[in-house]
Amino acid sequence: MLNYQAEFAERAAFGQELNFARLEFAARAENVATARALVAALIAARPEANWDITVAALEEIKVAVSEAVSNAVIHGYGEDASRLVTLTVRQYQFALVVQVADEGVGIADIAKAREPDFTTGQEHLGLGFAFMESFMDELDVQSAPGEGTVVSLLRLLPEVEEAAPRAEQL
């Protein structure tokens, strides 16, 4: 598993860690919305002077998180609700890091799984990793058959422009 926290400690450009959350939930499809809500809530609760995030950027992050959680639920566990998915969110001054982990079946060929249109189920489009990759600045996938999968998503976030007051400040 890639240790983004250690990596960030050496990269001052991400700034200090501002917030952290970890949530474990049952591998149920309806919990995808729970994961999206947690990430959106942390972003919305950010300290006022740190991030300038657009609605479009927020939606991209939520889609990437949805895809990672859906993969854990559907492909990692086959929708076995007795199993747990772990969502970890770290909020830095200038970055957001989200990790989604499962202890499911794992991925034998990560490079193949990351190809657009690759899927293990006929009813799925196989675009999950493609969406994650296009909406985030970095995507890392660590997995092995029988050992589960950890998907790490990084989104760099711009600083707030000092000259433009926010609507709630008016």
Protein backbone atom coordinates (compact mmCIF):
# COMPACT_ATOMS: atom_id res chain seq x y z
CA MET A 1 0.00 0.00 0.00
CA LEU A 2 1.28 3.43 -0.90
CA ASN A 3 1.78 5.58 2.19
CA TYR A 4 0.66 9.03 1.07
CA GLN A 5 0.97 10.46 4.58
CA ALA A 6 4.71 9.72 4.72
CA GLU A 7 5.13 10.99 1.16
CA PHE A 8 3.29 14.22 1.98
CA ALA A 9 5.41 14.80 5.09
CA GLU A 10 8.36 15.20 2.74
CA ARG A 11 6.44 17.39 0.25
CA ALA A 12 5.78 20.73 1.94
CA ALA A 13 3.66 21.84 -1.03
CA PHE A 14 0.66 19.96 0.42
CA GLY A 15 0.79 21.88 3.68
CA GLN A 16 -0.26 20.67 7.07
CA GLU A 17 -2.92 18.06 7.69
CA LEU A 18 -6.17 19.84 8.57
CA ASN A 19 -8.63 17.03 9.03
CA PHE A 20 -8.91 13.26 8.99
CA ALA A 21 -11.75 10.74 8.92
CA ARG A 22 -11.97 6.98 8.70
CA LEU A 23 -15.21 5.09 8.21
CA GLU A 24 -15.87 1.36 7.96
CA PHE A 25 -19.14 0.28 6.43
CA ALA A 26 -20.85 -2.81 5.10
CA ALA A 27 -20.17 -3.71 1.49
CA ARG A 28 -23.61 -2.60 0.31
CA ALA A 29 -24.31 -0.62 -2.84
CA GLU A 30 -26.33 1.96 -0.89
CA ASN A 31 -23.22 2.83 1.15
CA VAL A 32 -21.61 4.38 -1.93
CA ALA A 33 -23.76 7.43 -1.14
CA THR A 34 -22.47 7.39 2.45
CA ALA A 35 -18.88 7.56 1.21
CA ARG A 36 -19.70 10.42 -1.17
CA ALA A 37 -21.46 12.31 1.62
CA LEU A 38 -18.53 11.95 4.03
CA VAL A 39 -16.04 13.30 1.51
CA ALA A 40 -18.34 16.17 0.51
CA ALA A 41 -18.98 17.04 4.18
CA LEU A 42 -15.27 17.21 4.95
CA ILE A 43 -14.67 19.44 1.97
CA ALA A 44 -17.61 21.68 2.92
CA ALA A 45 -16.34 21.96 6.50
CA ARG A 46 -12.84 23.01 5.45
CA PRO A 47 -11.27 25.99 7.17
CA GLU A 48 -12.46 29.04 5.25
CA ALA A 49 -9.07 30.29 4.09
CA ASN A 50 -7.71 27.07 2.62
CA TRP A 51 -9.48 25.75 -0.45
CA ASP A 52 -11.16 27.32 -3.42
CA ILE A 53 -13.07 24.39 -4.87
CA THR A 54 -15.66 24.59 -7.61
CA VAL A 55 -18.89 22.63 -7.71
CA ALA A 56 -17.54 20.82 -10.78
CA ALA A 57 -14.37 19.80 -8.92
CA LEU A 58 -16.43 18.59 -5.96
CA GLU A 59 -18.58 16.47 -8.30
CA GLU A 60 -15.47 14.97 -9.92
CA ILE A 61 -14.10 13.98 -6.52
CA LYS A 62 -17.44 12.45 -5.54
CA VAL A 63 -17.57 10.43 -8.79
CA ALA A 64 -14.03 9.12 -8.24
CA VAL A 65 -14.90 8.10 -4.66
CA SER A 66 -18.12 6.45 -5.87
CA GLU A 67 -16.23 4.40 -8.42
CA ALA A 68 -13.61 3.25 -5.91
CA VAL A 69 -16.24 2.25 -3.34
CA SER A 70 -18.41 0.56 -5.98
CA ASN A 71 -15.41 -1.48 -7.13
CA ALA A 72 -14.78 -2.64 -3.55
CA VAL A 73 -18.43 -3.58 -3.02
CA ILE A 74 -19.10 -5.22 -6.38
CA HIS A 75 -15.76 -6.65 -7.50
CA GLY A 76 -13.93 -6.99 -4.19
CA TYR A 77 -16.71 -8.65 -2.25
CA GLY A 78 -19.40 -9.59 -4.76
CA GLU A 79 -21.84 -7.48 -2.73
CA ASP A 80 -21.34 -9.61 0.40
CA ALA A 81 -22.76 -7.18 2.99
CA SER A 82 -21.08 -9.06 5.83
CA ARG A 83 -17.71 -7.68 4.65
CA LEU A 84 -16.32 -4.21 5.38
CA VAL A 85 -15.03 -1.41 3.17
CA THR A 86 -12.74 1.17 4.78
CA LEU A 87 -12.79 4.78 3.60
CA THR A 88 -10.00 7.06 4.82
CA VAL A 89 -9.97 10.76 3.98
CA ARG A 90 -7.07 13.12 4.75
CA GLN A 91 -7.50 16.80 4.18
CA TYR A 92 -4.34 18.86 3.77
CA GLN A 93 -4.01 22.57 3.12
CA PHE A 94 -3.63 22.03 -0.61
CA ALA A 95 -4.62 18.41 -1.23
CA LEU A 96 -7.22 15.79 -0.53
CA VAL A 97 -6.27 12.12 -0.19
CA VAL A 98 -8.91 9.40 -0.21
CA GLN A 99 -8.17 5.70 0.28
CA VAL A 100 -10.71 2.94 -0.23
CA ALA A 101 -9.67 -0.47 1.05
CA ASP A 102 -11.22 -3.91 0.98
CA GLU A 103 -9.99 -7.36 1.95
CA GLY A 104 -11.74 -9.03 -0.97
CA VAL A 105 -10.63 -11.11 -3.92
CA GLY A 106 -7.95 -8.69 -5.09
CA ILE A 107 -6.83 -7.94 -8.63
CA ALA A 108 -4.47 -10.29 -10.46
CA ASP A 109 -3.52 -7.88 -13.26
CA ILE A 110 -3.82 -4.24 -12.17
CA ALA A 111 -2.63 -2.86 -15.51
CA LYS A 112 -5.33 -4.83 -17.35
CA ALA A 113 -8.00 -3.80 -14.82
CA ARG A 114 -7.11 -0.13 -15.37
CA GLU A 115 -7.72 -0.37 -19.13
CA PRO A 116 -10.91 1.42 -20.23
CA ASP A 117 -13.75 -1.02 -20.97
CA PHE A 118 -12.17 -3.89 -19.02
CA THR A 119 -14.69 -5.49 -16.69
CA THR A 120 -15.18 -8.75 -14.86
CA GLY A 121 -18.96 -8.52 -15.21
CA GLN A 122 -21.02 -8.15 -18.37
CA GLU A 123 -23.45 -5.73 -16.71
CA HIS A 124 -20.66 -3.22 -15.94
CA LEU A 125 -19.03 -0.72 -18.30
CA GLY A 126 -15.47 -1.08 -17.04
CA LEU A 127 -14.87 2.67 -16.77
CA GLY A 128 -14.35 2.98 -13.01
CA PHE A 129 -10.57 3.34 -13.05
CA ALA A 130 -10.77 5.57 -16.14
CA PHE A 131 -13.11 7.96 -14.28
CA MET A 132 -10.92 7.91 -11.17
CA GLU A 133 -7.82 8.62 -13.24
CA SER A 134 -9.39 11.47 -15.21
CA PHE A 135 -10.98 13.20 -12.19
CA MET A 136 -8.05 12.96 -9.76
CA ASP A 137 -4.44 14.12 -9.99
CA GLU A 138 -3.05 10.74 -8.97
CA LEU A 139 -4.46 7.23 -8.72
CA ASP A 140 -2.60 4.37 -7.10
CA VAL A 141 -3.91 0.81 -6.94
CA GLN A 142 -2.29 -1.78 -4.69
CA SER A 143 -3.73 -5.29 -4.85
CA ALA A 144 -2.96 -8.97 -4.87
CA PRO A 145 -5.23 -11.97 -5.42
CA GLY A 146 -6.82 -13.02 -2.15
CA GLU A 147 -5.40 -10.04 -0.26
CA GLY A 148 -7.78 -7.25 -1.19
CA THR A 149 -7.27 -3.87 -2.81
CA VAL A 150 -6.35 -0.35 -1.70
CA VAL A 151 -7.21 2.48 -4.08
CA SER A 152 -5.55 5.80 -3.26
CA LEU A 153 -6.86 9.01 -4.84
CA LEU A 154 -5.08 12.36 -4.69
CA ARG A 155 -6.61 15.69 -5.67
CA LEU A 156 -4.55 18.86 -5.51
CA LEU A 157 -6.59 21.88 -4.52
CA PRO A 158 -5.88 25.54 -5.25
CA GLU A 159 -5.65 28.19 -2.58
CA VAL A 160 -8.47 30.68 -2.16
CA GLU A 161 -7.94 33.93 -4.03
CA GLU A 162 -7.69 36.61 -1.35
CA ALA A 163 -9.16 39.33 -3.56
CA ALA A 164 -12.50 37.58 -4.16
CA PRO A 165 -14.76 37.55 -1.06
CA ARG A 166 -17.01 34.53 -0.67
CA ALA A 167 -20.76 35.03 -0.79
CA GLU A 168 -21.14 34.07 2.87
CA GLN A 169 -18.67 36.82 3.81
CA LEU A 170 -20.83 39.54 2.23
